[in-house]
Amino acid sequence: MSRIAGVFQTLEATSRKAVIPYIVAGDPIVDITVDLMTALVEGGADIIELGVPFSDPMSEGPVIQRGHERALERGVRLRGVLETVRQFRQENTHTPVLLMGYANPVEHMGYQRFADEASAAGVDALLTVDVPPEEVDDINAELKRVGMDNIFLIAPTTPSSRMDRITAQASGFIYYVSLKGVTGAGNLDQQAVSEQVAEIRRHTSLPVCVGFGIKDGPSAARVARDADGVVIGSALVQRLADVQAAGGDRVAILSAATALLTDIRAHVDGMQSDAA
């Protein structure tokens, strides 16, 4: 059983939902990422989503785009991200790590080499935003060979007829993009999220996690009523950037990360208690 499957099995047994923070590797300080991942776990993260810096992150809004730019300016690339995961694994062998990025760096490394090196580093899954299910066979074969999950996005505009193709290729969980547009845009329509999550469940038994538009504890709790997990990205990336820009040191950045995750964890768990 993969680490991701194990997490969702444990959460289901305890009637809890996954909290999945997203950060950009190398941001807001180049050498803080391992400690930041640890701080997020201490705050209640179940899975870490680690963004691989890329020059044209087309699905990201301005907040995360700036995070990619800052990391790239400091020289952070895919191999450095794998080294970050390797260092994290020296102290944490149980929290799944999902790499989120774009096809170009993975293709440049080569699918076989990427799968081998990512697996050896301790990566559990890959989400490549710009690889459609029609073009995923080669990378999927390599990921399956080393036991890594392939996470796919489903958007509000994805027709039901296409969901079967996507879910047939996916493993780990399905990432539902709750908003049209880029990360950090717009406000959540809770009724629409509920309806779409229910529709996705008709196509797969995989857990369904929801991201985009989750900004704080209350919004995370609302989404968690229907989803198996919540992803928080732009709000976290912005919070850490603000602390750093205000002159906050390493300790202040780590404290801000833990505080935000602790609040989200408390609201998500509180929602479950209220429902009981």
C-alpha atoms as a PDB file:
ATOM      1  CA  MET A   1       0.000   0.000   0.000  1.00  0.00           C
ATOM      2  CA  SER A   2       1.306   3.455  -0.888  1.00  0.00           C
ATOM      3  CA  ARG A   3       1.816   6.109   1.769  1.00  0.00           C
ATOM      4  CA  ILE A   4      -1.045   8.137   0.265  1.00  0.00           C
ATOM      5  CA  ALA A   5      -3.450   5.187   0.333  1.00  0.00           C
ATOM      6  CA  GLY A   6      -2.401   4.494   3.911  1.00  0.00           C
ATOM      7  CA  VAL A   7      -3.130   8.076   4.958  1.00  0.00           C
ATOM      8  CA  PHE A   8      -6.630   8.020   3.508  1.00  0.00           C
ATOM      9  CA  GLN A   9      -7.325   4.609   5.013  1.00  0.00           C
ATOM     10  CA  THR A  10      -6.338   5.896   8.449  1.00  0.00           C
ATOM     11  CA  LEU A  11      -8.350   9.095   8.028  1.00  0.00           C
ATOM     12  CA  GLU A  12     -11.439   7.174   6.945  1.00  0.00           C
ATOM     13  CA  ALA A  13     -11.144   4.858   9.946  1.00  0.00           C
ATOM     14  CA  THR A  14     -11.092   7.882  12.257  1.00  0.00           C
ATOM     15  CA  SER A  15     -13.729   9.886  10.334  1.00  0.00           C
ATOM     16  CA  ARG A  16     -11.292  12.668   9.546  1.00  0.00           C
ATOM     17  CA  LYS A  17     -10.401  14.569   6.387  1.00  0.00           C
ATOM     18  CA  ALA A  18      -7.005  15.241   4.826  1.00  0.00           C
ATOM     19  CA  VAL A  19      -5.336  18.631   5.102  1.00  0.00           C
ATOM     20  CA  ILE A  20      -2.891  19.163   2.228  1.00  0.00           C
ATOM     21  CA  PRO A  21      -0.784  22.340   2.179  1.00  0.00           C
ATOM     22  CA  TYR A  22       0.965  23.495  -0.982  1.00  0.00           C
ATOM     23  CA  ILE A  23       4.271  25.358  -0.935  1.00  0.00           C
ATOM     24  CA  VAL A  24       6.805  26.200  -3.632  1.00  0.00           C
ATOM     25  CA  ALA A  25      10.160  24.552  -3.036  1.00  0.00           C
ATOM     26  CA  GLY A  26      12.747  27.230  -2.241  1.00  0.00           C
ATOM     27  CA  ASP A  27      10.221  29.893  -1.242  1.00  0.00           C
ATOM     28  CA  PRO A  28      10.180  32.234   0.622  1.00  0.00           C
ATOM     29  CA  ILE A  29      13.773  31.387   1.658  1.00  0.00           C
ATOM     30  CA  VAL A  30      15.808  28.990  -0.430  1.00  0.00           C
ATOM     31  CA  ASP A  31      17.015  26.758   2.401  1.00  0.00           C
ATOM     32  CA  ILE A  32      13.869  26.756   4.541  1.00  0.00           C
ATOM     33  CA  THR A  33      11.809  24.155   2.694  1.00  0.00           C
ATOM     34  CA  VAL A  34      12.697  21.062   4.742  1.00  0.00           C
ATOM     35  CA  ASP A  35      12.021  22.887   8.005  1.00  0.00           C
ATOM     36  CA  LEU A  36       8.859  24.355   6.498  1.00  0.00           C
ATOM     37  CA  MET A  37       7.585  20.897   5.550  1.00  0.00           C
ATOM     38  CA  THR A  38       8.221  19.753   9.117  1.00  0.00           C
ATOM     39  CA  ALA A  39       6.391  22.804  10.499  1.00  0.00           C
ATOM     40  CA  LEU A  40       3.386  22.053   8.290  1.00  0.00           C
ATOM     41  CA  VAL A  41       3.269  18.469   9.547  1.00  0.00           C
ATOM     42  CA  GLU A  42       3.395  19.789  13.113  1.00  0.00           C
ATOM     43  CA  GLY A  43       0.434  22.013  12.229  1.00  0.00           C
ATOM     44  CA  GLY A  44      -1.619  19.037  11.090  1.00  0.00           C
ATOM     45  CA  ALA A  45      -0.736  18.394   7.441  1.00  0.00           C
ATOM     46  CA  ASP A  46      -1.473  14.861   6.230  1.00  0.00           C
ATOM     47  CA  ILE A  47       0.171  15.199   2.799  1.00  0.00           C
ATOM     48  CA  ILE A  48       2.658  17.813   1.583  1.00  0.00           C
ATOM     49  CA  GLU A  49       2.203  19.192  -1.931  1.00  0.00           C
ATOM     50  CA  LEU A  50       5.535  20.581  -3.077  1.00  0.00           C
ATOM     51  CA  GLY A  51       5.592  22.869  -6.084  1.00  0.00           C
ATOM     52  CA  VAL A  52       8.463  22.426  -8.544  1.00  0.00           C
ATOM     53  CA  PRO A  53       9.514  25.929  -9.674  1.00  0.00           C
ATOM     54  CA  PHE A  54       8.798  26.530 -13.357  1.00  0.00           C
ATOM     55  CA  SER A  55       9.196  29.543 -15.631  1.00  0.00           C
ATOM     56  CA  ASP A  56       5.642  29.426 -17.020  1.00  0.00           C
ATOM     57  CA  PRO A  57       3.281  28.077 -14.321  1.00  0.00           C
ATOM     58  CA  MET A  58       0.177  28.663 -16.412  1.00  0.00           C
ATOM     59  CA  SER A  59      -2.414  27.325 -13.975  1.00  0.00           C
ATOM     60  CA  GLU A  60      -1.181  29.469 -11.105  1.00  0.00           C
ATOM     61  CA  GLY A  61      -2.451  32.854 -10.041  1.00  0.00           C
ATOM     62  CA  PRO A  62      -0.207  35.830  -9.261  1.00  0.00           C
ATOM     63  CA  VAL A  63       0.603  34.729  -5.707  1.00  0.00           C
ATOM     64  CA  ILE A  64       2.028  31.336  -6.630  1.00  0.00           C
ATOM     65  CA  GLN A  65       3.571  32.662  -9.836  1.00  0.00           C
ATOM     66  CA  ARG A  66       5.629  35.052  -7.717  1.00  0.00           C
ATOM     67  CA  GLY A  67       6.633  32.129  -5.513  1.00  0.00           C
ATOM     68  CA  HIS A  68       7.904  30.273  -8.587  1.00  0.00           C
ATOM     69  CA  GLU A  69       9.790  33.368  -9.722  1.00  0.00           C
ATOM     70  CA  ARG A  70      11.457  33.847  -6.341  1.00  0.00           C
ATOM     71  CA  ALA A  71      12.547  30.216  -6.200  1.00  0.00           C
ATOM     72  CA  LEU A  72      13.873  30.242  -9.761  1.00  0.00           C
ATOM     73  CA  GLU A  73      15.860  33.405  -9.054  1.00  0.00           C
ATOM     74  CA  ARG A  74      17.557  31.490  -6.227  1.00  0.00           C
ATOM     75  CA  GLY A  75      18.447  28.628  -8.550  1.00  0.00           C
ATOM     76  CA  VAL A  76      15.920  26.029  -7.383  1.00  0.00           C
ATOM     77  CA  ARG A  77      15.282  23.371 -10.032  1.00  0.00           C
ATOM     78  CA  LEU A  78      13.842  19.858 -10.155  1.00  0.00           C
ATOM     79  CA  ARG A  79      16.991  18.100  -8.947  1.00  0.00           C
ATOM     80  CA  GLY A  80      17.176  20.478  -6.007  1.00  0.00           C
ATOM     81  CA  VAL A  81      13.556  19.710  -5.166  1.00  0.00           C
ATOM     82  CA  LEU A  82      14.350  15.985  -5.120  1.00  0.00           C
ATOM     83  CA  GLU A  83      17.260  16.666  -2.788  1.00  0.00           C
ATOM     84  CA  THR A  84      14.879  18.591  -0.518  1.00  0.00           C
ATOM     85  CA  VAL A  85      12.579  15.582  -0.321  1.00  0.00           C
ATOM     86  CA  ARG A  86      15.561  13.322   0.369  1.00  0.00           C
ATOM     87  CA  GLN A  87      16.554  15.531   3.307  1.00  0.00           C
ATOM     88  CA  PHE A  88      12.967  15.615   4.606  1.00  0.00           C
ATOM     89  CA  ARG A  89      12.870  11.828   4.548  1.00  0.00           C
ATOM     90  CA  GLN A  90      15.819  11.686   6.930  1.00  0.00           C
ATOM     91  CA  GLU A  91      13.482  12.903   9.666  1.00  0.00           C
ATOM     92  CA  ASN A  92      10.030  12.004   8.366  1.00  0.00           C
ATOM     93  CA  THR A  93       9.316   8.655   6.736  1.00  0.00           C
ATOM     94  CA  HIS A  94       5.539   8.666   7.005  1.00  0.00           C
ATOM     95  CA  THR A  95       4.108  11.909   5.544  1.00  0.00           C
ATOM     96  CA  PRO A  96       3.424  11.551   1.798  1.00  0.00           C
ATOM     97  CA  VAL A  97       5.037  14.097  -0.523  1.00  0.00           C
ATOM     98  CA  LEU A  98       3.353  15.021  -3.798  1.00  0.00           C
ATOM     99  CA  LEU A  99       5.307  16.943  -6.426  1.00  0.00           C
ATOM    100  CA  MET A 100       3.148  19.366  -8.395  1.00  0.00           C
ATOM    101  CA  GLY A 101       4.555  20.897 -11.526  1.00  0.00           C
ATOM    102  CA  TYR A 102       4.716  20.947 -15.278  1.00  0.00           C
ATOM    103  CA  ALA A 103       5.819  18.438 -17.880  1.00  0.00           C
ATOM    104  CA  ASN A 104       8.928  20.159 -19.229  1.00  0.00           C
ATOM    105  CA  PRO A 105      11.348  19.522 -16.303  1.00  0.00           C
ATOM    106  CA  VAL A 106      10.233  15.891 -16.015  1.00  0.00           C
ATOM    107  CA  GLU A 107      10.519  15.306 -19.753  1.00  0.00           C
ATOM    108  CA  HIS A 108      13.935  16.965 -19.799  1.00  0.00           C
ATOM    109  CA  MET A 109      15.171  14.603 -17.097  1.00  0.00           C
ATOM    110  CA  GLY A 110      13.540  11.626 -18.810  1.00  0.00           C
ATOM    111  CA  TYR A 111      10.622   9.648 -17.436  1.00  0.00           C
ATOM    112  CA  GLN A 112      12.648   6.623 -16.370  1.00  0.00           C
ATOM    113  CA  ARG A 113      15.356   8.648 -14.632  1.00  0.00           C
ATOM    114  CA  PHE A 114      12.788  10.908 -12.987  1.00  0.00           C
ATOM    115  CA  ALA A 115      10.829   7.945 -11.643  1.00  0.00           C
ATOM    116  CA  ASP A 116      13.982   6.281 -10.322  1.00  0.00           C
ATOM    117  CA  GLU A 117      15.404   9.414  -8.701  1.00  0.00           C
ATOM    118  CA  ALA A 118      12.084  10.659  -7.319  1.00  0.00           C
ATOM    119  CA  SER A 119      11.272   7.286  -5.820  1.00  0.00           C
ATOM    120  CA  ALA A 120      14.749   7.006  -4.300  1.00  0.00           C
ATOM    121  CA  ALA A 121      14.351  10.480  -2.789  1.00  0.00           C
ATOM    122  CA  GLY A 122      11.057   9.522  -1.159  1.00  0.00           C
ATOM    123  CA  VAL A 123       8.505  11.175  -3.449  1.00  0.00           C
ATOM    124  CA  ASP A 124       5.113   9.477  -3.339  1.00  0.00           C
ATOM    125  CA  ALA A 125       3.219  11.035  -6.232  1.00  0.00           C
ATOM    126  CA  LEU A 126       3.350  13.386  -9.194  1.00  0.00           C
ATOM    127  CA  LEU A 127       0.817  15.875 -10.523  1.00  0.00           C
ATOM    128  CA  THR A 128       1.735  17.380 -13.889  1.00  0.00           C
ATOM    129  CA  VAL A 129      -0.740  20.119 -14.671  1.00  0.00           C
ATOM    130  CA  ASP A 130      -0.217  20.160 -18.421  1.00  0.00           C
ATOM    131  CA  VAL A 131      -0.208  16.441 -19.259  1.00  0.00           C
ATOM    132  CA  PRO A 132      -3.670  15.297 -20.432  1.00  0.00           C
ATOM    133  CA  PRO A 133      -4.822  11.707 -19.865  1.00  0.00           C
ATOM    134  CA  GLU A 134      -4.448  10.981 -23.586  1.00  0.00           C
ATOM    135  CA  GLU A 135      -0.679  11.543 -23.295  1.00  0.00           C
ATOM    136  CA  VAL A 136       0.070   9.990 -19.932  1.00  0.00           C
ATOM    137  CA  ASP A 137       0.770   6.338 -20.778  1.00  0.00           C
ATOM    138  CA  ASP A 138       4.575   6.598 -20.886  1.00  0.00           C
ATOM    139  CA  ILE A 139       5.029   8.478 -17.633  1.00  0.00           C
ATOM    140  CA  ASN A 140       2.313   6.415 -15.951  1.00  0.00           C
ATOM    141  CA  ALA A 141       4.172   3.211 -16.787  1.00  0.00           C
ATOM    142  CA  GLU A 142       7.334   4.536 -15.151  1.00  0.00           C
ATOM    143  CA  LEU A 143       5.510   5.815 -12.064  1.00  0.00           C
ATOM    144  CA  LYS A 144       3.722   2.496 -11.607  1.00  0.00           C
ATOM    145  CA  ARG A 145       7.037   0.665 -11.962  1.00  0.00           C
ATOM    146  CA  VAL A 146       8.392   2.422  -8.875  1.00  0.00           C
ATOM    147  CA  GLY A 147       5.110   2.538  -6.955  1.00  0.00           C
ATOM    148  CA  MET A 148       4.398   6.265  -7.312  1.00  0.00           C
ATOM    149  CA  ASP A 149       0.883   7.635  -7.685  1.00  0.00           C
ATOM    150  CA  ASN A 150      -0.219   9.856 -10.563  1.00  0.00           C
ATOM    151  CA  ILE A 151      -2.614  12.570  -9.417  1.00  0.00           C
ATOM    152  CA  PHE A 152      -5.009  14.160 -11.894  1.00  0.00           C
ATOM    153  CA  LEU A 153      -7.008  17.364 -11.880  1.00  0.00           C
ATOM    154  CA  ILE A 154     -10.704  17.554 -12.639  1.00  0.00           C
ATOM    155  CA  ALA A 155     -12.149  21.019 -13.251  1.00  0.00           C
ATOM    156  CA  PRO A 156     -15.681  22.444 -13.043  1.00  0.00           C
ATOM    157  CA  THR A 157     -15.714  22.410 -16.848  1.00  0.00           C
ATOM    158  CA  THR A 158     -14.730  18.734 -17.172  1.00  0.00           C
ATOM    159  CA  PRO A 159     -17.652  16.864 -18.781  1.00  0.00           C
ATOM    160  CA  SER A 160     -18.905  13.680 -17.208  1.00  0.00           C
ATOM    161  CA  SER A 161     -17.939  11.744 -20.338  1.00  0.00           C
ATOM    162  CA  ARG A 162     -14.285  12.690 -19.813  1.00  0.00           C
ATOM    163  CA  MET A 163     -14.154  11.850 -16.110  1.00  0.00           C
ATOM    164  CA  ASP A 164     -14.026   8.113 -16.827  1.00  0.00           C
ATOM    165  CA  ARG A 165     -10.848   8.559 -18.873  1.00  0.00           C
ATOM    166  CA  ILE A 166      -9.211  10.690 -16.207  1.00  0.00           C
ATOM    167  CA  THR A 167     -10.114   8.496 -13.251  1.00  0.00           C
ATOM    168  CA  ALA A 168      -9.008   5.351 -15.090  1.00  0.00           C
ATOM    169  CA  GLN A 169      -5.479   6.765 -15.283  1.00  0.00           C
ATOM    170  CA  ALA A 170      -5.332   8.222 -11.775  1.00  0.00           C
ATOM    171  CA  SER A 171      -4.195   6.768  -8.476  1.00  0.00           C
ATOM    172  CA  GLY A 172      -3.790   8.166  -4.966  1.00  0.00           C
ATOM    173  CA  PHE A 173      -6.631  10.665  -5.111  1.00  0.00           C
ATOM    174  CA  ILE A 174      -8.475  12.975  -7.483  1.00  0.00           C
ATOM    175  CA  TYR A 175      -7.754  16.689  -7.178  1.00  0.00           C
ATOM    176  CA  TYR A 176     -10.900  18.680  -7.899  1.00  0.00           C
ATOM    177  CA  VAL A 177     -10.253  22.284  -8.931  1.00  0.00           C
ATOM    178  CA  SER A 178     -13.168  24.107  -7.330  1.00  0.00           C
ATOM    179  CA  LEU A 179     -12.914  27.295  -9.404  1.00  0.00           C
ATOM    180  CA  LYS A 180     -12.650  28.186 -13.041  1.00  0.00           C
ATOM    181  CA  GLY A 181      -9.387  29.969 -13.749  1.00  0.00           C
ATOM    182  CA  VAL A 182      -6.094  30.013 -11.895  1.00  0.00           C
ATOM    183  CA  THR A 183      -5.138  29.360  -8.301  1.00  0.00           C
ATOM    184  CA  GLY A 184      -6.215  31.993  -5.802  1.00  0.00           C
ATOM    185  CA  ALA A 185      -9.040  33.313  -7.971  1.00  0.00           C
ATOM    186  CA  GLY A 186     -12.649  33.915  -7.042  1.00  0.00           C
ATOM    187  CA  ASN A 187     -14.884  32.693  -4.260  1.00  0.00           C
ATOM    188  CA  LEU A 188     -16.120  29.193  -3.572  1.00  0.00           C
ATOM    189  CA  ASP A 189     -19.607  28.173  -4.615  1.00  0.00           C
ATOM    190  CA  GLN A 190     -20.222  25.513  -1.982  1.00  0.00           C
ATOM    191  CA  GLN A 191     -23.295  24.068  -3.679  1.00  0.00           C
ATOM    192  CA  ALA A 192     -21.415  23.672  -6.956  1.00  0.00           C
ATOM    193  CA  VAL A 193     -18.493  22.012  -5.161  1.00  0.00           C
ATOM    194  CA  SER A 194     -20.850  19.579  -3.443  1.00  0.00           C
ATOM    195  CA  GLU A 195     -22.539  18.655  -6.720  1.00  0.00           C
ATOM    196  CA  GLN A 196     -19.264  18.188  -8.587  1.00  0.00           C
ATOM    197  CA  VAL A 197     -17.681  16.079  -5.862  1.00  0.00           C
ATOM    198  CA  ALA A 198     -20.752  13.846  -5.925  1.00  0.00           C
ATOM    199  CA  GLU A 199     -20.459  13.552  -9.707  1.00  0.00           C
ATOM    200  CA  ILE A 200     -16.769  12.594  -9.486  1.00  0.00           C
ATOM    201  CA  ARG A 201     -17.604   9.913  -6.937  1.00  0.00           C
ATOM    202  CA  ARG A 202     -19.873   8.286  -9.505  1.00  0.00           C
ATOM    203  CA  HIS A 203     -16.784   7.682 -11.634  1.00  0.00           C
ATOM    204  CA  THR A 204     -14.216   6.519  -9.080  1.00  0.00           C
ATOM    205  CA  SER A 205     -13.692   5.062  -5.632  1.00  0.00           C
ATOM    206  CA  LEU A 206     -10.537   7.162  -5.157  1.00  0.00           C
ATOM    207  CA  PRO A 207     -10.618   9.890  -2.498  1.00  0.00           C
ATOM    208  CA  VAL A 208     -11.581  13.329  -3.821  1.00  0.00           C
ATOM    209  CA  CYS A 209      -9.670  16.362  -2.540  1.00  0.00           C
ATOM    210  CA  VAL A 210     -10.595  19.945  -3.327  1.00  0.00           C
ATOM    211  CA  GLY A 211      -8.285  22.885  -3.915  1.00  0.00           C
ATOM    212  CA  PHE A 212      -8.365  26.470  -5.272  1.00  0.00           C
ATOM    213  CA  GLY A 213     -10.321  29.033  -3.285  1.00  0.00           C
ATOM    214  CA  ILE A 214      -9.649  27.634   0.202  1.00  0.00           C
ATOM    215  CA  LYS A 215      -8.294  30.582   2.119  1.00  0.00           C
ATOM    216  CA  ASP A 216      -8.744  29.844   5.821  1.00  0.00           C
ATOM    217  CA  GLY A 217     -10.195  27.502   8.418  1.00  0.00           C
ATOM    218  CA  PRO A 218     -13.902  28.226   7.782  1.00  0.00           C
ATOM    219  CA  SER A 219     -13.631  27.783   4.003  1.00  0.00           C
ATOM    220  CA  ALA A 220     -11.655  24.565   4.503  1.00  0.00           C
ATOM    221  CA  ALA A 221     -14.299  23.221   6.883  1.00  0.00           C
ATOM    222  CA  ARG A 222     -17.106  23.957   4.429  1.00  0.00           C
ATOM    223  CA  VAL A 223     -15.345  22.097   1.635  1.00  0.00           C
ATOM    224  CA  ALA A 224     -14.427  19.193   3.922  1.00  0.00           C
ATOM    225  CA  ARG A 225     -18.105  18.433   4.472  1.00  0.00           C
ATOM    226  CA  ASP A 226     -18.187  16.951   0.966  1.00  0.00           C
ATOM    227  CA  ALA A 227     -14.553  16.187   0.109  1.00  0.00           C
ATOM    228  CA  ASP A 228     -12.060  13.683   1.490  1.00  0.00           C
ATOM    229  CA  GLY A 229      -9.425  16.385   1.783  1.00  0.00           C
ATOM    230  CA  VAL A 230      -8.711  20.074   1.305  1.00  0.00           C
ATOM    231  CA  VAL A 231      -5.724  21.715  -0.389  1.00  0.00           C
ATOM    232  CA  ILE A 232      -4.553  25.165   0.687  1.00  0.00           C
ATOM    233  CA  GLY A 233      -2.020  26.903  -1.541  1.00  0.00           C
ATOM    234  CA  SER A 234      -2.247  30.588  -2.401  1.00  0.00           C
ATOM    235  CA  ALA A 235      -3.252  31.693   1.099  1.00  0.00           C
ATOM    236  CA  LEU A 236      -0.302  29.840   2.601  1.00  0.00           C
ATOM    237  CA  VAL A 237       2.225  31.024   0.012  1.00  0.00           C
ATOM    238  CA  GLN A 238       1.019  34.619   0.488  1.00  0.00           C
ATOM    239  CA  ARG A 239       1.139  34.380   4.275  1.00  0.00           C
ATOM    240  CA  LEU A 240       4.746  33.216   4.245  1.00  0.00           C
ATOM    241  CA  ALA A 241       5.771  35.818   1.661  1.00  0.00           C
ATOM    242  CA  ASP A 242       4.167  38.571   3.746  1.00  0.00           C
ATOM    243  CA  VAL A 243       6.037  37.505   6.875  1.00  0.00           C
ATOM    244  CA  GLN A 244       9.332  37.435   5.000  1.00  0.00           C
ATOM    245  CA  ALA A 245       8.668  40.800   3.310  1.00  0.00           C
ATOM    246  CA  ALA A 246       7.892  42.373   6.692  1.00  0.00           C
ATOM    247  CA  GLY A 247      11.324  41.373   7.926  1.00  0.00           C
ATOM    248  CA  GLY A 248      10.298  38.187   9.667  1.00  0.00           C
ATOM    249  CA  ASP A 249      13.111  35.772  10.271  1.00  0.00           C
ATOM    250  CA  ARG A 250      13.206  32.020   9.775  1.00  0.00           C
ATOM    251  CA  VAL A 251      11.470  31.351  13.086  1.00  0.00           C
ATOM    252  CA  ALA A 252       8.664  33.777  12.239  1.00  0.00           C
ATOM    253  CA  ILE A 253       8.064  32.142   8.852  1.00  0.00           C
ATOM    254  CA  LEU A 254       7.921  28.660  10.353  1.00  0.00           C
ATOM    255  CA  SER A 255       5.623  29.854  13.128  1.00  0.00           C
ATOM    256  CA  ALA A 256       3.263  31.436  10.593  1.00  0.00           C
ATOM    257  CA  ALA A 257       3.090  28.175   8.638  1.00  0.00           C
ATOM    258  CA  THR A 258       2.323  26.115  11.726  1.00  0.00           C
ATOM    259  CA  ALA A 259      -0.275  28.620  12.941  1.00  0.00           C
ATOM    260  CA  LEU A 260      -2.195  28.660   9.653  1.00  0.00           C
ATOM    261  CA  LEU A 261      -2.209  24.869   9.371  1.00  0.00           C
ATOM    262  CA  THR A 262      -3.206  24.460  13.014  1.00  0.00           C
ATOM    263  CA  ASP A 263      -6.204  26.737  12.435  1.00  0.00           C
ATOM    264  CA  ILE A 264      -7.262  24.867   9.307  1.00  0.00           C
ATOM    265  CA  ARG A 265      -6.795  21.496  11.009  1.00  0.00           C
ATOM    266  CA  ALA A 266      -8.915  22.640  13.962  1.00  0.00           C
ATOM    267  CA  HIS A 267     -11.741  23.868  11.730  1.00  0.00           C
ATOM    268  CA  VAL A 268     -11.740  20.731   9.581  1.00  0.00           C
ATOM    269  CA  ASP A 269     -11.722  18.447  12.639  1.00  0.00           C
ATOM    270  CA  GLY A 270     -14.319  20.655  14.306  1.00  0.00           C
ATOM    271  CA  MET A 271     -16.591  20.264  11.321  1.00  0.00           C
ATOM    272  CA  GLN A 272     -16.422  16.514  11.775  1.00  0.00           C
ATOM    273  CA  SER A 273     -17.240  16.836  15.473  1.00  0.00           C
ATOM    274  CA  ASP A 274     -20.210  19.076  14.714  1.00  0.00           C
ATOM    275  CA  ALA A 275     -21.503  16.599  12.133  1.00  0.00           C
ATOM    276  CA  ALA A 276     -21.283  13.772  14.670  1.00  0.00           C
END
